[in-house]
Amino acid sequence: MSQELTSDYVVVGAGSAGAVLAARLSEDPTVRVTLLEAGPRDKGMNIHVPAAFSKLFQTEHDWDYSTEPQPELGGRRIYWPRGRMLGGSSSMNAMMWVKGLQADYEEWGAAAGPEWGWDAVKKAYAKLEDVEDATALDGTGGPVRVERQRSPRPYTESFLQAAEQAGFTRGRANGPNAEAFVETMVTQRRGARWSTAAAYLKPAAKRANLNVVTGAQVSRVTFDKHRATGVEAVVDGQRTTVTARREVVLCGGAVNTPQLLMLSGIGPADQLEELGIEVVHDAKEVGENLTDHLVAGLGWEVEQGSLATAESLRHLANYLLRRRGMLTSNVGEAYGFLRSRPDLEAPDIEMIFAPVGFFDEGLVPFVGEAVVAGPILVDPASRGRITLASKDPAAKPIIDPRYLSDPEGRDRAAMVEGVRVALDIASQPALKPILGDLLRPELAADATAEEVADSLLARHAHTLYHPTGTCRMGTDEASVVDPSLRVRGVEGLRVADASIMPRIVRGHTNAPAIMIGERAADIVTGD
């Protein structure tokens, strides 16, 4: 049995960008929009309770990817969780609202034109944000609620004081000083997660012209010669054809979007032919330029007061009755930016702090009280790629981020300096008396920063969940999409998600992915 659906627009992927785009397009009552999501609806306490996000890992809500072995990380495969539900990764992330630097978007503008430069991006953020205690740099009244932490742990304030003692400046998240150390602001509303499903899809749910289909695994884009006509999918076990009268827009993210393009015949021709996939357009950069943020967290034992007891009945009651307490924590409660070398024009390291023993990405429960701090490489030189393992749409793609592979060794040197700074902050009067033994990595107290860094990178470093760039946007013919997000070489097909980023932001990628969804809606309706 098979079924057929027809819409004006078919949006594939209901994540940080796709939910935004579908909701915005459906504001026009004269068009019909179908939004296809492979995962289920965003139901379940662990989705909405902020501190519970890691409990979604390796469940039905997670694509549960794994990289190829990484030579520079001890030959380990790195687990890559990706959201698989309404809201996508915005329903499973740590809710950190860190938009990136003005310099990032100036580089976007240089690569893709002024419509993606700082002035245009700033207006898009002002439209979508609703920031608590907003300053002149924040938006108000938009669908995305951004709040202060409701119940940060005392250790977080100690970390920020220690950073100040180490010579860094205190400030406000997304404030005028890009290199300030700050308490994280989060995508929450009254202490609960505020995903794009909550912000955009829920208000749009009653519109008759928006059809949201969950359990829909898209297998390929269909074409009439070089024009996209729709998609083929399996919806709850039933083969389904969804026809697009106007356009198909792919919003699957930096892993799933290039995978779907290649399955549909758009990608490096030699690779597609080897797998027996008919080539629609030879696009050599599809899947290339994969860029991610790597984090290496040091862990110290503490006596009490971390998030270790967040699941107790007392704290659960506090959350359910007052929306306060440990369960409102996003785990990454503070951060700050710094330059690993004085000659850099902008920061390349973010220092993150978590008042809990968040080890092994929460997959292996840690028994005890601990805190974590460490560097994130936010301006990596290394580039990886996504390729197909098979022409079977159900087969997971091959993910090779090639962490720390840049030939100059800049990335590793930056991480070593980041570890040195983390150790320096930990040695300051505000933190040193309350930190116990170093738990991650397990080394002698007199180990050098380079020894600590080498051990961390080989044994414990992992993704910060920010893959980008695999369908690069640009004005050059080699780019996968043009500045209007149209896939080069074909018609009626666009991409709107983190895969189009010309460069990764020195921040976190949920905010710019939502902004891309907003910009895409303006571009599509404008055309």
Protein backbone atom coordinates (compact mmCIF):
# COMPACT_ATOMS: atom_id res chain seq x y z
CA MET A 1 0.00 0.00 0.00
CA SER A 2 1.11 3.55 -0.70
CA GLN A 3 -0.36 7.01 -0.27
CA GLU A 4 0.09 10.39 -1.88
CA LEU A 5 0.05 13.88 -0.40
CA THR A 6 0.30 17.24 -2.16
CA SER A 7 1.38 20.62 -0.78
CA ASP A 8 2.80 23.87 -2.04
CA TYR A 9 5.88 23.47 0.16
CA VAL A 10 7.41 20.31 1.55
CA VAL A 11 9.79 20.87 4.47
CA VAL A 12 11.93 17.90 5.52
CA GLY A 13 13.01 17.96 9.18
CA ALA A 14 11.19 19.65 12.08
CA GLY A 15 14.27 20.78 13.98
CA SER A 16 15.77 24.13 14.95
CA ALA A 17 15.36 25.56 11.43
CA GLY A 18 12.65 23.37 9.89
CA ALA A 19 10.03 24.00 12.55
CA VAL A 20 10.61 27.74 12.17
CA LEU A 21 10.38 27.67 8.39
CA ALA A 22 7.24 25.53 8.23
CA ALA A 23 5.44 27.65 10.83
CA ARG A 24 6.39 30.91 9.11
CA LEU A 25 5.37 29.67 5.63
CA SER A 26 2.00 28.55 6.99
CA GLU A 27 1.24 32.10 8.14
CA ASP A 28 0.05 32.62 4.56
CA PRO A 29 -3.37 30.92 4.52
CA THR A 30 -3.29 30.59 0.72
CA VAL A 31 -0.45 28.04 0.74
CA ARG A 32 -0.34 24.50 2.07
CA VAL A 33 2.76 23.29 3.93
CA THR A 34 3.71 19.73 4.79
CA LEU A 35 6.38 19.27 7.47
CA LEU A 36 7.94 15.80 7.62
CA GLU A 37 9.76 14.61 10.76
CA ALA A 38 11.36 11.17 11.09
CA GLY A 39 10.99 11.07 14.87
CA PRO A 40 7.99 11.24 17.19
CA ARG A 41 6.25 14.20 18.77
CA ASP A 42 8.02 16.03 21.59
CA LYS A 43 6.25 14.26 24.44
CA GLY A 44 7.85 13.08 27.67
CA MET A 45 9.15 14.71 30.83
CA ASN A 46 12.81 14.29 29.90
CA ILE A 47 12.28 16.53 26.86
CA HIS A 48 10.85 19.41 28.85
CA VAL A 49 12.80 19.21 32.14
CA PRO A 50 16.04 21.09 31.36
CA ALA A 51 18.54 19.06 33.40
CA ALA A 52 17.26 15.77 31.95
CA PHE A 53 18.45 16.26 28.38
CA SER A 54 21.15 13.56 28.45
CA LYS A 55 18.49 10.99 29.33
CA LEU A 56 17.28 11.39 25.73
CA PHE A 57 20.61 10.16 24.37
CA GLN A 58 20.46 6.80 22.58
CA THR A 59 16.66 6.67 22.76
CA GLU A 60 13.99 6.89 20.06
CA HIS A 61 14.49 10.68 20.21
CA ASP A 62 18.13 10.43 19.08
CA TRP A 63 19.66 9.61 15.68
CA ASP A 64 22.49 8.08 17.75
CA TYR A 65 25.37 8.62 15.34
CA SER A 66 29.01 7.71 15.82
CA THR A 67 32.07 9.01 14.00
CA GLU A 68 34.85 7.13 12.31
CA PRO A 69 37.83 6.46 14.64
CA GLN A 70 39.64 9.75 15.29
CA PRO A 71 43.46 9.34 15.21
CA GLU A 72 44.07 12.54 17.18
CA LEU A 73 41.62 11.48 19.91
CA GLY A 74 43.21 8.18 20.81
CA GLY A 75 41.59 6.35 17.89
CA ARG A 76 38.17 6.60 19.55
CA ARG A 77 34.80 6.77 17.83
CA ILE A 78 32.97 9.84 19.10
CA TYR A 79 29.27 9.61 19.91
CA TRP A 80 27.17 12.20 18.07
CA PRO A 81 23.63 12.63 19.44
CA ARG A 82 21.20 14.46 17.14
CA GLY A 83 17.60 15.29 17.96
CA ARG A 84 15.00 13.08 16.28
CA MET A 85 11.61 14.54 17.26
CA LEU A 86 9.61 17.70 16.80
CA GLY A 87 12.02 20.50 17.62
CA GLY A 88 15.01 18.34 16.60
CA SER A 89 18.13 19.12 18.57
CA SER A 90 16.42 22.17 20.11
CA SER A 91 14.38 19.58 22.02
CA MET A 92 17.51 17.76 23.23
CA ASN A 93 20.27 20.35 23.61
CA ALA A 94 21.67 22.19 26.64
CA MET A 95 19.62 25.29 25.76
CA MET A 96 22.61 27.67 25.69
CA TRP A 97 21.74 30.87 23.81
CA VAL A 98 25.16 31.91 22.49
CA LYS A 99 24.69 33.58 19.12
CA GLY A 100 28.28 33.96 17.97
CA LEU A 101 30.37 37.04 17.28
CA GLN A 102 29.77 39.92 14.92
CA ALA A 103 32.96 38.84 13.16
CA ASP A 104 31.38 35.45 12.34
CA TYR A 105 28.50 37.03 10.48
CA GLU A 106 30.75 39.54 8.74
CA GLU A 107 32.53 36.48 7.32
CA TRP A 108 29.16 35.04 6.31
CA GLY A 109 28.47 38.31 4.51
CA ALA A 110 31.80 38.13 2.70
CA ALA A 111 31.01 34.58 1.55
CA ALA A 112 27.32 34.93 0.73
CA GLY A 113 26.49 38.60 0.34
CA PRO A 114 25.11 41.36 2.57
CA GLU A 115 21.80 39.52 3.08
CA TRP A 116 23.76 37.20 5.38
CA GLY A 117 26.01 39.84 6.93
CA TRP A 118 25.87 41.26 10.44
CA ASP A 119 23.25 43.95 9.77
CA ALA A 120 20.75 41.48 8.26
CA VAL A 121 21.43 38.83 10.89
CA LYS A 122 21.06 41.36 13.73
CA LYS A 123 17.57 42.27 12.45
CA ALA A 124 16.60 38.60 12.22
CA TYR A 125 17.65 37.96 15.81
CA ALA A 126 15.74 41.04 17.00
CA LYS A 127 12.61 39.62 15.32
CA LEU A 128 12.83 36.14 16.81
CA GLU A 129 14.06 36.80 20.36
CA ASP A 130 12.17 37.50 23.57
CA VAL A 131 15.00 38.04 26.05
CA GLU A 132 14.44 38.46 29.77
CA ASP A 133 15.75 41.82 31.06
CA ALA A 134 16.69 42.70 27.49
CA THR A 135 19.41 45.19 26.65
CA ALA A 136 19.82 47.16 23.43
CA LEU A 137 21.52 44.13 21.88
CA ASP A 138 18.59 41.78 22.56
CA GLY A 139 15.22 41.28 20.88
CA THR A 140 11.88 41.32 22.69
CA GLY A 141 8.43 40.03 21.81
CA GLY A 142 9.62 37.27 19.47
CA PRO A 143 8.72 33.58 19.69
CA VAL A 144 12.03 32.39 21.18
CA ARG A 145 12.04 32.96 24.94
CA VAL A 146 15.52 33.43 26.42
CA GLU A 147 15.76 33.59 30.21
CA ARG A 148 18.29 33.91 32.97
CA GLN A 149 19.14 30.78 34.93
CA ARG A 150 16.50 30.34 37.62
CA SER A 151 18.55 28.44 40.19
CA PRO A 152 22.26 28.40 39.31
CA ARG A 153 24.52 26.43 41.62
CA PRO A 154 26.81 28.41 43.97
CA TYR A 155 29.78 26.72 42.24
CA THR A 156 28.90 28.66 39.09
CA GLU A 157 29.40 31.98 40.85
CA SER A 158 32.66 30.67 42.30
CA PHE A 159 33.86 29.79 38.80
CA LEU A 160 33.01 33.27 37.50
CA GLN A 161 34.79 34.89 40.44
CA ALA A 162 37.83 32.69 39.81
CA ALA A 163 37.85 33.70 36.14
CA GLU A 164 37.85 37.33 37.22
CA GLN A 165 40.73 36.63 39.62
CA ALA A 166 42.60 35.05 36.70
CA GLY A 167 42.35 38.31 34.77
CA PHE A 168 39.18 37.86 32.73
CA THR A 169 36.24 40.26 32.61
CA ARG A 170 32.74 39.51 33.92
CA GLY A 171 29.76 40.43 31.75
CA ARG A 172 26.36 39.49 30.39
CA ALA A 173 25.59 36.77 27.85
CA ASN A 174 25.57 38.09 24.26
CA GLY A 175 26.65 41.47 25.60
CA PRO A 176 28.96 44.10 24.09
CA ASN A 177 32.14 42.41 25.36
CA ALA A 178 32.49 39.21 23.34
CA GLU A 179 35.25 37.94 25.62
CA ALA A 180 33.44 38.33 28.95
CA PHE A 181 32.85 35.41 31.31
CA VAL A 182 29.10 35.13 31.89
CA GLU A 183 26.29 33.13 33.40
CA THR A 184 24.52 31.29 30.58
CA MET A 185 21.17 32.50 29.29
CA VAL A 186 18.91 29.69 28.17
CA THR A 187 16.02 28.91 25.85
CA GLN A 188 13.54 28.30 28.63
CA ARG A 189 10.13 29.60 29.59
CA ARG A 190 9.33 29.55 33.29
CA GLY A 191 12.02 26.97 33.94
CA ALA A 192 11.03 24.54 31.17
CA ARG A 193 12.72 23.92 27.81
CA TRP A 194 11.52 26.24 25.05
CA SER A 195 12.27 24.42 21.79
CA THR A 196 11.27 25.46 18.28
CA ALA A 197 8.41 22.96 18.60
CA ALA A 198 7.11 24.96 21.56
CA ALA A 199 7.94 28.39 20.14
CA TYR A 200 6.74 27.89 16.56
CA LEU A 201 4.84 24.65 15.92
CA LYS A 202 2.53 24.70 18.91
CA PRO A 203 1.12 28.17 18.09
CA ALA A 204 0.72 27.08 14.43
CA ALA A 205 -0.91 23.73 15.22
CA LYS A 206 -4.48 24.89 14.59
CA ARG A 207 -3.77 26.15 11.08
CA ALA A 208 -5.57 23.98 8.55
CA ASN A 209 -2.89 24.64 5.94
CA LEU A 210 -0.04 23.13 8.03
CA ASN A 211 0.26 19.34 7.97
CA VAL A 212 2.85 18.05 10.47
CA VAL A 213 3.68 14.40 9.83
CA THR A 214 5.81 12.51 12.37
CA GLY A 215 7.32 9.06 11.88
CA ALA A 216 8.17 10.10 8.31
CA GLN A 217 11.55 8.82 7.12
CA VAL A 218 12.32 10.56 3.81
CA SER A 219 14.29 8.35 1.43
CA ARG A 220 14.89 10.70 -1.50
CA VAL A 221 13.89 13.86 -3.32
CA THR A 222 12.05 13.18 -6.57
CA PHE A 223 12.84 15.05 -9.79
CA ASP A 224 11.35 15.76 -13.19
CA LYS A 225 14.60 16.15 -15.08
CA HIS A 226 16.36 18.79 -12.95
CA ARG A 227 13.35 20.14 -11.07
CA ALA A 228 12.46 18.81 -7.62
CA THR A 229 8.86 17.63 -7.56
CA GLY A 230 8.59 16.27 -4.01
CA VAL A 231 9.91 13.48 -1.83
CA GLU A 232 9.44 9.80 -1.22
CA ALA A 233 9.10 8.70 2.39
CA VAL A 234 8.07 5.85 4.64
CA VAL A 235 5.41 7.08 7.05
CA ASP A 236 4.65 4.64 9.86
CA GLY A 237 5.69 1.77 7.60
CA GLN A 238 3.70 2.97 4.57
CA ARG A 239 5.35 4.20 1.36
CA THR A 240 4.30 7.78 0.77
CA THR A 241 4.87 10.26 -2.05
CA VAL A 242 4.63 13.92 -1.09
CA THR A 243 4.39 16.25 -4.07
CA ALA A 244 5.50 19.90 -3.84
CA ARG A 245 3.72 22.29 -6.17
CA ARG A 246 6.28 24.99 -5.43
CA GLU A 247 9.40 23.86 -3.56
CA VAL A 248 11.08 21.26 -1.38
CA VAL A 249 13.22 22.59 1.48
CA LEU A 250 15.63 20.29 3.31
CA CYS A 251 16.13 21.09 7.01
CA GLY A 252 17.67 17.85 8.28
CA GLY A 253 20.86 19.35 9.64
CA ALA A 254 24.54 18.95 8.86
CA VAL A 255 24.38 15.13 8.83
CA ASN A 256 20.99 14.25 7.39
CA THR A 257 20.72 16.94 4.70
CA PRO A 258 23.89 16.01 2.77
CA GLN A 259 22.96 12.35 3.21
CA LEU A 260 19.55 12.97 1.63
CA LEU A 261 21.01 15.06 -1.17
CA MET A 262 23.43 12.26 -2.06
CA LEU A 263 20.70 9.61 -1.85
CA SER A 264 18.76 11.82 -4.29
CA GLY A 265 21.62 12.01 -6.80
CA ILE A 266 23.14 15.36 -5.82
CA GLY A 267 26.73 15.01 -4.67
CA PRO A 268 30.18 13.89 -5.83
CA ALA A 269 29.39 11.95 -9.03
CA ASP A 270 32.18 9.40 -8.61
CA GLN A 271 30.98 8.42 -5.13
CA LEU A 272 27.34 8.22 -6.20
CA GLU A 273 28.14 6.09 -9.23
CA GLU A 274 30.14 3.67 -7.11
CA LEU A 275 27.03 3.11 -4.98
CA GLY A 276 24.75 2.75 -7.98
CA ILE A 277 22.93 6.07 -7.46
CA GLU A 278 21.82 7.89 -10.58
CA VAL A 279 23.52 11.29 -10.73
CA VAL A 280 21.17 14.26 -11.02
CA HIS A 281 23.88 16.86 -10.46
CA ASP A 282 27.60 16.50 -9.77
CA ALA A 283 28.05 18.63 -6.64
CA LYS A 284 31.49 17.84 -5.28
CA GLU A 285 31.18 19.82 -2.03
CA VAL A 286 28.07 18.06 -0.71
CA GLY A 287 29.17 16.50 2.57
CA GLU A 288 32.51 18.35 2.60
CA ASN A 289 33.57 21.21 4.90
CA LEU A 290 32.23 19.43 8.01
CA THR A 291 33.12 21.61 11.01
CA ASP A 292 32.39 20.92 14.68
CA HIS A 293 33.30 22.19 18.13
CA LEU A 294 35.45 19.89 20.26
CA VAL A 295 35.34 20.09 24.07
CA ALA A 296 37.77 18.73 26.65
CA GLY A 297 36.38 18.98 30.16
CA LEU A 298 38.46 18.62 33.32
CA GLY A 299 36.61 17.23 36.33
CA TRP A 300 37.25 17.89 40.02
CA GLU A 301 35.73 16.23 43.04
CA VAL A 302 33.73 18.50 45.38
CA GLU A 303 32.09 17.81 48.72
CA GLN A 304 28.45 18.76 48.09
CA GLY A 305 26.19 21.24 46.31
CA SER A 306 26.61 20.06 42.73
CA LEU A 307 23.71 18.80 40.63
CA ALA A 308 24.35 15.23 41.77
CA THR A 309 21.12 15.06 43.79
CA ALA A 310 18.89 16.77 41.19
CA GLU A 311 16.70 13.67 40.78
CA SER A 312 15.78 13.43 44.46
CA LEU A 313 12.11 13.70 45.41
CA ARG A 314 12.73 17.02 47.11
CA HIS A 315 14.16 18.61 43.98
CA LEU A 316 11.54 17.02 41.75
CA ALA A 317 8.82 18.52 43.93
CA ASN A 318 10.53 21.91 43.84
CA TYR A 319 10.55 21.76 40.06
CA LEU A 320 6.97 20.58 39.62
CA LEU A 321 5.51 23.03 42.14
CA ARG A 322 7.69 26.10 41.64
CA ARG A 323 9.71 25.52 38.47
CA ARG A 324 12.80 26.20 40.53
CA GLY A 325 15.82 24.28 41.71
CA MET A 326 18.38 21.90 40.26
CA LEU A 327 16.16 20.47 37.52
CA THR A 328 15.95 23.88 35.84
CA SER A 329 19.72 23.76 35.23
CA ASN A 330 20.98 23.47 31.67
CA VAL A 331 24.20 21.89 33.11
CA GLY A 332 26.49 24.30 31.21
CA GLU A 333 25.75 27.18 33.58
CA ALA A 334 28.64 29.53 32.70
CA TYR A 335 31.14 30.22 29.95
CA GLY A 336 33.61 32.76 28.65
CA PHE A 337 35.67 33.39 25.52
CA LEU A 338 39.41 33.88 25.18
CA ARG A 339 42.23 33.89 22.64
CA SER A 340 44.75 31.09 22.74
CA ARG A 341 47.30 33.44 21.15
CA PRO A 342 47.56 37.23 21.56
CA ASP A 343 47.88 37.79 17.80
CA LEU A 344 44.39 36.42 17.04
CA GLU A 345 41.75 38.91 15.90
CA ALA A 346 38.95 37.09 17.73
CA PRO A 347 38.55 34.38 20.40
CA ASP A 348 39.15 30.78 19.39
CA ILE A 349 38.43 29.13 22.76
CA GLU A 350 35.29 29.06 24.87
CA MET A 351 35.70 28.02 28.50
CA ILE A 352 32.63 26.20 29.78
CA PHE A 353 31.63 25.32 33.33
CA ALA A 354 29.18 22.69 34.60
CA PRO A 355 28.42 22.22 38.33
CA VAL A 356 28.08 18.45 37.98
CA GLY A 357 30.18 15.43 37.04
CA PHE A 358 29.02 15.38 33.41
CA PHE A 359 31.40 12.68 32.25
CA ASP A 360 31.09 10.34 29.26
CA GLU A 361 28.29 12.62 28.01
CA GLY A 362 26.00 11.36 30.73
CA LEU A 363 25.84 7.87 29.22
CA VAL A 364 27.68 6.34 32.17
CA PRO A 365 26.21 7.56 35.49
CA PHE A 366 28.79 9.19 37.74
CA VAL A 367 28.31 8.47 41.43
CA GLY A 368 29.58 11.36 43.49
CA GLU A 369 29.87 15.13 43.57
CA ALA A 370 32.00 16.87 40.96
CA VAL A 371 32.28 19.94 38.73
CA VAL A 372 33.64 20.26 35.20
CA ALA A 373 35.43 23.07 33.38
CA GLY A 374 37.35 23.03 30.14
CA PRO A 375 38.03 24.50 26.71
CA ILE A 376 35.89 24.30 23.59
CA LEU A 377 37.63 24.86 20.25
CA VAL A 378 35.23 27.36 18.65
CA ASP A 379 37.35 28.37 15.65
CA PRO A 380 38.74 25.07 14.38
CA ALA A 381 40.96 24.86 11.30
CA SER A 382 40.27 21.14 10.83
CA ARG A 383 37.60 20.02 8.35
CA GLY A 384 35.87 16.69 7.92
CA ARG A 385 33.24 15.15 5.68
CA ILE A 386 29.99 13.19 5.51
CA THR A 387 29.77 10.36 2.98
CA LEU A 388 27.33 7.57 2.24
CA ALA A 389 27.95 4.06 3.49
CA SER A 390 25.20 2.67 1.27
CA LYS A 391 22.39 3.71 -1.02
CA ASP A 392 20.02 2.28 1.59
CA PRO A 393 18.26 5.31 3.17
CA ALA A 394 18.12 3.46 6.49
CA ALA A 395 21.92 3.07 6.66
CA LYS A 396 23.72 5.62 8.80
CA PRO A 397 26.16 7.85 6.89
CA ILE A 398 29.90 7.83 7.45
CA ILE A 399 30.87 10.74 9.72
CA ASP A 400 34.53 11.75 9.83
CA PRO A 401 35.05 15.15 11.50
CA ARG A 402 38.86 14.76 11.43
CA TYR A 403 39.30 16.51 14.75
CA LEU A 404 42.69 18.22 15.30
CA SER A 405 43.86 17.20 11.83
CA ASP A 406 44.98 20.61 10.55
CA PRO A 407 48.57 20.21 9.31
CA GLU A 408 49.86 23.27 11.18
CA GLY A 409 48.73 21.83 14.53
CA ARG A 410 46.90 25.04 15.40
CA ASP A 411 43.86 23.26 16.81
CA ARG A 412 45.81 21.08 19.22
CA ALA A 413 47.93 24.03 20.37
CA ALA A 414 44.76 26.03 21.08
CA MET A 415 43.29 23.21 23.15
CA VAL A 416 46.50 22.85 25.15
CA GLU A 417 46.38 26.56 25.95
CA GLY A 418 42.72 26.21 26.87
CA VAL A 419 43.56 23.46 29.34
CA ARG A 420 46.31 25.65 30.82
CA VAL A 421 43.78 28.45 31.34
CA ALA A 422 41.27 26.05 32.92
CA LEU A 423 43.94 24.90 35.39
CA ASP A 424 44.84 28.51 36.12
CA ILE A 425 41.21 29.43 36.87
CA ALA A 426 40.90 26.37 39.11
CA SER A 427 43.94 27.55 41.09
CA GLN A 428 42.39 30.91 42.02
CA PRO A 429 41.21 31.69 45.58
CA ALA A 430 37.51 31.50 44.69
CA LEU A 431 37.81 27.88 43.51
CA LYS A 432 40.96 26.22 44.82
CA PRO A 433 39.75 25.71 48.42
CA ILE A 434 36.54 24.00 47.29
CA LEU A 435 37.99 21.73 44.60
CA GLY A 436 39.18 18.27 45.56
CA ASP A 437 41.11 15.74 43.50
CA LEU A 438 41.32 15.97 39.71
CA LEU A 439 39.09 13.14 38.47
CA ARG A 440 39.36 13.73 34.71
CA PRO A 441 42.00 13.05 33.66
CA GLU A 442 43.44 10.90 36.44
CA LEU A 443 47.00 12.25 36.60
CA ALA A 444 49.45 13.22 39.30
CA ALA A 445 48.94 16.62 40.87
CA ASP A 446 52.20 17.91 39.36
CA ALA A 447 51.28 17.00 35.75
CA THR A 448 51.93 19.79 33.25
CA ALA A 449 49.15 21.46 31.26
CA GLU A 450 50.37 19.70 28.13
CA GLU A 451 50.28 16.30 29.86
CA VAL A 452 46.77 17.01 31.12
CA ALA A 453 45.68 18.13 27.65
CA ASP A 454 47.18 15.10 25.92
CA SER A 455 45.37 12.75 28.31
CA LEU A 456 42.08 14.62 28.00
CA LEU A 457 42.17 14.66 24.21
CA ALA A 458 43.11 11.01 23.88
CA ARG A 459 40.64 9.67 26.44
CA HIS A 460 37.81 12.11 27.11
CA ALA A 461 37.37 14.90 24.52
CA HIS A 462 34.07 14.81 22.64
CA THR A 463 31.77 16.84 20.44
CA LEU A 464 29.86 19.85 21.73
CA TYR A 465 27.10 18.78 19.29
CA HIS A 466 27.61 21.56 16.72
CA PRO A 467 28.15 19.99 13.25
CA THR A 468 27.91 22.55 10.44
CA GLY A 469 28.99 23.45 6.92
CA THR A 470 28.31 20.30 4.86
CA CYS A 471 26.14 22.15 2.29
CA ARG A 472 28.12 25.36 2.27
CA MET A 473 26.41 28.56 1.14
CA GLY A 474 28.29 30.99 -1.06
CA THR A 475 28.37 33.17 -4.14
CA ASP A 476 30.95 30.93 -5.84
CA GLU A 477 29.85 28.16 -8.20
CA ALA A 478 31.49 25.46 -6.05
CA SER A 479 29.20 26.20 -3.10
CA VAL A 480 26.31 23.78 -2.59
CA VAL A 481 23.65 26.47 -2.16
CA ASP A 482 23.48 30.07 -3.32
CA PRO A 483 22.65 33.01 -1.02
CA SER A 484 18.94 32.35 -1.61
CA LEU A 485 19.53 28.81 -0.27
CA ARG A 486 18.77 27.24 -3.66
CA VAL A 487 20.68 24.05 -4.39
CA ARG A 488 22.92 24.72 -7.35
CA GLY A 489 22.34 22.66 -10.49
CA VAL A 490 18.65 21.95 -9.87
CA GLU A 491 15.39 23.86 -9.46
CA GLY A 492 12.70 23.85 -6.81
CA LEU A 493 15.03 22.66 -4.02
CA ARG A 494 16.55 24.60 -1.14
CA VAL A 495 18.42 23.87 2.09
CA ALA A 496 17.83 25.76 5.35
CA ASP A 497 19.73 24.43 8.36
CA ALA A 498 23.17 24.46 9.99
CA SER A 499 24.69 22.69 6.98
CA ILE A 500 24.62 25.93 4.95
CA MET A 501 26.85 27.91 7.33
CA PRO A 502 29.85 29.28 5.39
CA ARG A 503 31.85 29.06 8.60
CA ILE A 504 31.01 27.78 12.06
CA VAL A 505 30.15 30.51 14.57
CA ARG A 506 32.28 31.19 17.62
CA GLY A 507 29.30 30.35 19.79
CA HIS A 508 26.63 27.67 19.86
CA THR A 509 24.71 26.64 16.78
CA ASN A 510 21.08 26.46 17.94
CA ALA A 511 20.59 30.24 17.80
CA PRO A 512 21.97 30.67 14.27
CA ALA A 513 20.04 27.61 13.06
CA ILE A 514 16.80 29.22 14.26
CA MET A 515 17.86 32.47 12.61
CA ILE A 516 18.50 30.57 9.36
CA GLY A 517 14.94 29.26 9.53
CA GLU A 518 13.64 32.81 9.90
CA ARG A 519 15.80 34.15 7.06
CA ALA A 520 14.77 31.22 4.86
CA ALA A 521 11.09 32.02 5.39
CA ASP A 522 11.69 35.63 4.35
CA ILE A 523 13.66 34.53 1.29
CA VAL A 524 11.16 31.90 0.15
CA THR A 525 8.12 34.13 0.58
CA GLY A 526 9.98 37.02 -1.02
CA ASP A 527 10.63 34.91 -4.12
